[in-house]
């Protein structure tokens, strides 16, 4: 009986996870944000977020901003972010992509 119950719980969690992925819009991605910013250099020295789009990836520097996202140091985030192409002309020091927060899925104190 316990095996059946736990199997049902695991199945329900799996369906919920699949449903979450299926609910992503065409231009939307899951984005993880590290709890600390790092020194980086774009046009000038600055602080960059560290991001990744998969739990298994390494952190990469994020030189842009996520519109609508209020980063607080010390927390790791899991977000749904919409990535859209910026219409030309694009300044030489700007990204060709615009990032907009759709939903904050998880915020974990680190």
N, C-alpha and C. Protein backbone atom coordinates (compact mmCIF):
# COMPACT_ATOMS: atom_id res chain seq x y z
N UNK A 1 0.82 -1.19 0.00
CA UNK A 1 0.00 0.00 0.00
C UNK A 1 0.87 1.26 0.00
N UNK A 2 1.97 1.25 0.82
CA UNK A 2 2.85 2.41 0.87
C UNK A 2 3.54 2.63 -0.47
N UNK A 3 3.93 1.52 -1.14
CA UNK A 3 4.58 1.64 -2.44
C UNK A 3 3.64 2.29 -3.45
N UNK A 4 2.39 1.92 -3.40
CA UNK A 4 1.39 2.49 -4.30
C UNK A 4 1.22 3.97 -4.03
N UNK A 5 1.16 4.37 -2.76
CA UNK A 5 1.01 5.77 -2.38
C UNK A 5 2.20 6.59 -2.88
N UNK A 6 3.42 6.14 -2.57
CA UNK A 6 4.62 6.88 -2.97
C UNK A 6 4.76 6.92 -4.49
N UNK A 7 4.40 5.84 -5.15
CA UNK A 7 4.42 5.83 -6.61
C UNK A 7 3.46 6.86 -7.18
N UNK A 8 2.30 6.99 -6.57
CA UNK A 8 1.31 8.00 -6.99
C UNK A 8 1.82 9.41 -6.77
N UNK A 9 2.47 9.64 -5.62
CA UNK A 9 3.02 10.97 -5.32
C UNK A 9 4.11 11.32 -6.34
N UNK A 10 5.00 10.38 -6.61
CA UNK A 10 6.08 10.63 -7.58
C UNK A 10 5.48 10.88 -8.97
N UNK A 11 4.49 10.13 -9.35
CA UNK A 11 3.84 10.34 -10.64
C UNK A 11 3.19 11.70 -10.73
N UNK A 12 2.54 12.13 -9.66
CA UNK A 12 1.89 13.44 -9.64
C UNK A 12 2.93 14.56 -9.75
N UNK A 13 4.04 14.42 -9.03
CA UNK A 13 5.11 15.42 -9.12
C UNK A 13 5.69 15.47 -10.52
N UNK A 14 5.85 14.33 -11.15
CA UNK A 14 6.37 14.29 -12.52
C UNK A 14 5.43 14.99 -13.48
N UNK A 15 4.15 14.75 -13.35
CA UNK A 15 3.17 15.41 -14.21
C UNK A 15 3.18 16.91 -13.99
N UNK A 16 3.31 17.34 -12.74
CA UNK A 16 3.36 18.77 -12.42
C UNK A 16 4.58 19.41 -13.07
N UNK A 17 5.73 18.74 -12.99
CA UNK A 17 6.95 19.26 -13.61
C UNK A 17 6.79 19.34 -15.12
N UNK A 18 6.21 18.33 -15.73
CA UNK A 18 5.99 18.35 -17.18
C UNK A 18 5.03 19.46 -17.56
N UNK A 19 3.99 19.65 -16.77
CA UNK A 19 3.02 20.70 -17.04
C UNK A 19 3.70 22.06 -17.00
N UNK A 20 4.62 22.27 -16.04
CA UNK A 20 5.33 23.54 -15.93
C UNK A 20 6.12 23.81 -17.20
N UNK A 21 6.82 22.81 -17.70
CA UNK A 21 7.62 22.98 -18.91
C UNK A 21 6.70 23.24 -20.10
N UNK A 22 5.58 22.55 -20.17
CA UNK A 22 4.66 22.73 -21.28
C UNK A 22 4.04 24.13 -21.27
N UNK A 23 3.97 24.78 -20.11
CA UNK A 23 3.37 26.09 -20.01
C UNK A 23 4.30 27.22 -20.44
N UNK A 24 5.54 26.92 -20.78
CA UNK A 24 6.46 27.94 -21.23
C UNK A 24 6.01 28.43 -22.61
N UNK A 25 6.04 29.75 -22.77
CA UNK A 25 5.72 30.33 -24.06
C UNK A 25 6.86 30.08 -25.05
N UNK A 26 6.63 30.42 -26.29
CA UNK A 26 7.60 30.17 -27.35
C UNK A 26 8.95 30.82 -27.07
N UNK A 27 8.97 32.03 -26.55
CA UNK A 27 10.22 32.75 -26.30
C UNK A 27 10.66 32.67 -24.84
N UNK A 28 10.05 31.80 -24.05
CA UNK A 28 10.33 31.73 -22.62
C UNK A 28 11.30 30.61 -22.28
N UNK A 29 12.16 30.87 -21.29
CA UNK A 29 13.12 29.88 -20.81
C UNK A 29 13.13 29.89 -19.29
N UNK A 30 13.55 28.77 -18.72
CA UNK A 30 13.85 28.72 -17.29
C UNK A 30 15.25 29.29 -17.13
N UNK A 31 15.43 30.19 -16.18
CA UNK A 31 16.75 30.77 -15.94
C UNK A 31 17.02 30.72 -14.43
N UNK A 32 18.20 30.20 -14.09
CA UNK A 32 18.64 30.16 -12.70
C UNK A 32 19.61 31.33 -12.49
N UNK A 33 19.49 32.01 -11.34
CA UNK A 33 20.36 33.14 -11.01
C UNK A 33 21.09 32.80 -9.71
N UNK A 34 22.42 32.93 -9.73
CA UNK A 34 23.26 32.61 -8.57
C UNK A 34 23.06 33.65 -7.46
N UNK A 35 23.40 33.28 -6.23
CA UNK A 35 23.18 34.18 -5.09
C UNK A 35 24.14 35.36 -5.00
N UNK A 36 25.21 35.36 -5.75
CA UNK A 36 26.18 36.46 -5.69
C UNK A 36 26.50 36.97 -7.08
N UNK A 37 26.65 38.30 -7.18
CA UNK A 37 27.14 38.90 -8.42
C UNK A 37 28.66 38.79 -8.44
N UNK A 38 29.25 38.92 -9.62
CA UNK A 38 30.70 38.84 -9.76
C UNK A 38 31.21 40.06 -10.52
N UNK A 39 32.48 40.39 -10.29
CA UNK A 39 33.11 41.45 -11.06
C UNK A 39 33.28 40.98 -12.49
N UNK A 40 32.96 41.84 -13.43
CA UNK A 40 33.12 41.52 -14.85
C UNK A 40 33.39 42.82 -15.60
N UNK A 41 33.75 42.68 -16.85
CA UNK A 41 34.04 43.86 -17.64
C UNK A 41 33.26 43.81 -18.94
N UNK A 42 32.39 44.80 -19.12
CA UNK A 42 31.68 44.97 -20.39
C UNK A 42 32.38 46.11 -21.10
N UNK A 43 31.68 47.22 -21.27
CA UNK A 43 32.31 48.43 -21.78
C UNK A 43 33.24 48.99 -20.71
N UNK A 44 32.85 48.79 -19.46
CA UNK A 44 33.63 49.23 -18.30
C UNK A 44 33.48 48.17 -17.22
N UNK A 45 34.31 48.22 -16.16
CA UNK A 45 34.13 47.27 -15.06
C UNK A 45 32.73 47.42 -14.45
N UNK A 46 32.13 46.30 -14.12
CA UNK A 46 30.77 46.29 -13.57
C UNK A 46 30.55 45.02 -12.76
N UNK A 47 29.37 44.88 -12.19
CA UNK A 47 28.95 43.66 -11.51
C UNK A 47 27.98 42.92 -12.42
N UNK A 48 28.17 41.62 -12.58
CA UNK A 48 27.30 40.79 -13.41
C UNK A 48 26.58 39.75 -12.57
N UNK A 49 25.35 39.46 -12.95
CA UNK A 49 24.68 38.29 -12.41
C UNK A 49 25.35 37.06 -13.00
N UNK A 50 25.22 35.94 -12.32
CA UNK A 50 25.65 34.65 -12.86
C UNK A 50 24.37 33.87 -13.15
N UNK A 51 24.24 33.35 -14.36
CA UNK A 51 23.01 32.66 -14.74
C UNK A 51 23.32 31.36 -15.46
N UNK A 52 22.30 30.52 -15.54
CA UNK A 52 22.35 29.30 -16.35
C UNK A 52 20.92 28.92 -16.68
N UNK A 53 20.75 28.15 -17.75
CA UNK A 53 19.42 27.74 -18.18
C UNK A 53 19.13 26.27 -17.88
N UNK A 54 20.08 25.60 -17.22
CA UNK A 54 19.89 24.21 -16.82
C UNK A 54 20.64 23.99 -15.52
N UNK A 55 20.08 23.17 -14.65
CA UNK A 55 20.72 22.85 -13.37
C UNK A 55 22.10 22.26 -13.59
N UNK A 56 22.30 21.52 -14.67
CA UNK A 56 23.56 20.82 -14.93
C UNK A 56 24.63 21.68 -15.58
N UNK A 57 24.31 22.89 -16.00
CA UNK A 57 25.28 23.77 -16.63
C UNK A 57 26.10 24.49 -15.57
N UNK A 58 27.23 25.06 -16.00
CA UNK A 58 28.01 25.94 -15.14
C UNK A 58 27.46 27.36 -15.24
N UNK A 59 27.76 28.18 -14.25
CA UNK A 59 27.32 29.57 -14.24
C UNK A 59 28.04 30.35 -15.32
N UNK A 60 27.34 31.27 -15.98
CA UNK A 60 27.94 32.18 -16.96
C UNK A 60 27.62 33.62 -16.55
N UNK A 61 28.49 34.54 -16.96
CA UNK A 61 28.26 35.95 -16.67
C UNK A 61 27.09 36.46 -17.51
N UNK A 62 26.26 37.28 -16.89
CA UNK A 62 25.09 37.86 -17.56
C UNK A 62 25.28 39.37 -17.56
N UNK A 63 25.59 39.93 -18.71
CA UNK A 63 25.94 41.34 -18.84
C UNK A 63 24.72 42.25 -19.00
N UNK A 64 23.55 41.67 -19.15
CA UNK A 64 22.33 42.42 -19.40
C UNK A 64 21.52 42.56 -18.11
N UNK A 65 20.27 42.95 -18.24
CA UNK A 65 19.34 43.02 -17.11
C UNK A 65 18.11 42.19 -17.44
N UNK A 66 17.36 41.85 -16.42
CA UNK A 66 16.08 41.16 -16.59
C UNK A 66 15.01 42.14 -16.14
N UNK A 67 14.29 42.69 -17.10
CA UNK A 67 13.27 43.69 -16.80
C UNK A 67 12.22 43.10 -15.85
N UNK A 68 11.94 43.82 -14.76
CA UNK A 68 10.93 43.38 -13.79
C UNK A 68 11.48 42.48 -12.69
N UNK A 69 12.75 42.13 -12.75
CA UNK A 69 13.37 41.24 -11.76
C UNK A 69 14.12 42.08 -10.73
N UNK A 70 13.81 41.87 -9.46
CA UNK A 70 14.45 42.59 -8.36
C UNK A 70 15.42 41.63 -7.67
N UNK A 71 16.68 41.66 -8.09
CA UNK A 71 17.71 40.78 -7.53
C UNK A 71 18.07 41.21 -6.11
N UNK A 72 18.12 40.25 -5.19
CA UNK A 72 18.58 40.47 -3.82
C UNK A 72 19.74 39.52 -3.57
N UNK A 73 20.95 40.05 -3.26
CA UNK A 73 22.11 39.19 -3.00
C UNK A 73 21.81 38.19 -1.89
N UNK A 74 22.39 37.00 -2.00
CA UNK A 74 22.21 35.97 -0.98
C UNK A 74 21.10 34.99 -1.27
N UNK A 75 20.40 35.18 -2.37
CA UNK A 75 19.31 34.28 -2.77
C UNK A 75 19.60 33.70 -4.15
N UNK A 76 19.28 32.42 -4.31
CA UNK A 76 19.35 31.79 -5.62
C UNK A 76 17.93 31.77 -6.18
N UNK A 77 17.79 32.06 -7.45
CA UNK A 77 16.47 32.18 -8.06
C UNK A 77 16.30 31.18 -9.19
N UNK A 78 15.05 30.77 -9.37
CA UNK A 78 14.63 30.02 -10.54
C UNK A 78 13.50 30.84 -11.16
N UNK A 79 13.70 31.28 -12.39
CA UNK A 79 12.78 32.21 -13.04
C UNK A 79 12.28 31.67 -14.37
N UNK A 80 11.13 32.16 -14.78
CA UNK A 80 10.71 32.03 -16.17
C UNK A 80 10.95 33.40 -16.78
N UNK A 81 11.75 33.43 -17.84
CA UNK A 81 12.15 34.68 -18.47
C UNK A 81 11.79 34.62 -19.95
N UNK A 82 11.27 35.73 -20.46
CA UNK A 82 10.97 35.83 -21.89
C UNK A 82 12.16 36.50 -22.57
N UNK A 83 12.68 35.87 -23.62
CA UNK A 83 13.79 36.42 -24.40
C UNK A 83 13.24 36.86 -25.75
N UNK A 84 13.40 38.15 -26.04
CA UNK A 84 12.93 38.65 -27.33
C UNK A 84 14.06 39.41 -28.03
N UNK A 85 14.05 39.36 -29.34
CA UNK A 85 15.06 40.07 -30.12
C UNK A 85 14.74 41.56 -30.11
N UNK A 86 15.80 42.36 -29.96
CA UNK A 86 15.67 43.81 -29.97
C UNK A 86 15.67 44.27 -31.42
N UNK A 87 14.76 45.18 -31.73
CA UNK A 87 14.71 45.74 -33.09
C UNK A 87 15.93 46.61 -33.34
N UNK A 88 16.41 46.63 -34.54
CA UNK A 88 17.56 47.45 -34.92
C UNK A 88 17.15 48.91 -34.93
N UNK A 89 18.00 49.86 -34.73
CA UNK A 89 19.44 49.72 -34.51
C UNK A 89 19.75 49.38 -33.06
N UNK A 90 20.75 48.56 -32.87
CA UNK A 90 21.20 48.15 -31.54
C UNK A 90 22.51 48.86 -31.25
N UNK A 91 22.60 49.58 -30.12
CA UNK A 91 23.88 50.22 -29.78
C UNK A 91 24.99 49.17 -29.70
N UNK A 92 26.22 49.58 -30.00
CA UNK A 92 27.36 48.66 -30.04
C UNK A 92 27.58 47.94 -28.71
N UNK A 93 27.25 48.59 -27.60
CA UNK A 93 27.51 48.00 -26.29
C UNK A 93 26.26 47.33 -25.69
N UNK A 94 25.22 47.13 -26.48
CA UNK A 94 23.97 46.56 -25.97
C UNK A 94 23.74 45.15 -26.52
N UNK A 95 22.91 44.40 -25.81
CA UNK A 95 22.56 43.04 -26.22
C UNK A 95 21.53 43.08 -27.34
N UNK A 96 21.54 42.07 -28.18
CA UNK A 96 20.53 41.95 -29.23
C UNK A 96 19.28 41.27 -28.71
N UNK A 97 19.31 40.88 -27.42
CA UNK A 97 18.16 40.24 -26.77
C UNK A 97 17.68 41.07 -25.59
N UNK A 98 16.38 41.07 -25.38
CA UNK A 98 15.77 41.71 -24.22
C UNK A 98 15.22 40.60 -23.33
N UNK A 99 15.48 40.70 -22.04
CA UNK A 99 15.04 39.70 -21.07
C UNK A 99 13.99 40.32 -20.16
N UNK A 100 12.84 39.66 -20.04
CA UNK A 100 11.74 40.16 -19.22
C UNK A 100 11.25 39.05 -18.29
N UNK A 101 11.14 39.36 -17.00
CA UNK A 101 10.65 38.39 -16.03
C UNK A 101 9.19 38.07 -16.30
N UNK A 102 8.89 36.79 -16.40
CA UNK A 102 7.51 36.32 -16.54
C UNK A 102 7.01 35.88 -15.17
N UNK A 103 7.85 35.07 -14.48
CA UNK A 103 7.44 34.55 -13.17
C UNK A 103 8.66 34.13 -12.37
N UNK A 104 8.66 34.47 -11.09
CA UNK A 104 9.68 33.97 -10.16
C UNK A 104 9.14 32.66 -9.58
N UNK A 105 9.76 31.55 -9.95
CA UNK A 105 9.29 30.24 -9.52
C UNK A 105 9.77 29.92 -8.10
N UNK A 106 11.04 30.25 -7.84
CA UNK A 106 11.63 29.86 -6.56
C UNK A 106 12.68 30.88 -6.15
N UNK A 107 12.74 31.20 -4.87
CA UNK A 107 13.76 32.08 -4.29
C UNK A 107 14.25 31.42 -3.02
N UNK A 108 15.54 31.00 -3.03
CA UNK A 108 16.10 30.21 -1.93
C UNK A 108 17.24 30.94 -1.27
N UNK A 109 17.19 31.12 0.05
CA UNK A 109 18.27 31.76 0.80
C UNK A 109 19.50 30.86 0.79
N UNK A 110 20.66 31.43 0.44
CA UNK A 110 21.91 30.66 0.38
C UNK A 110 22.92 31.21 1.37
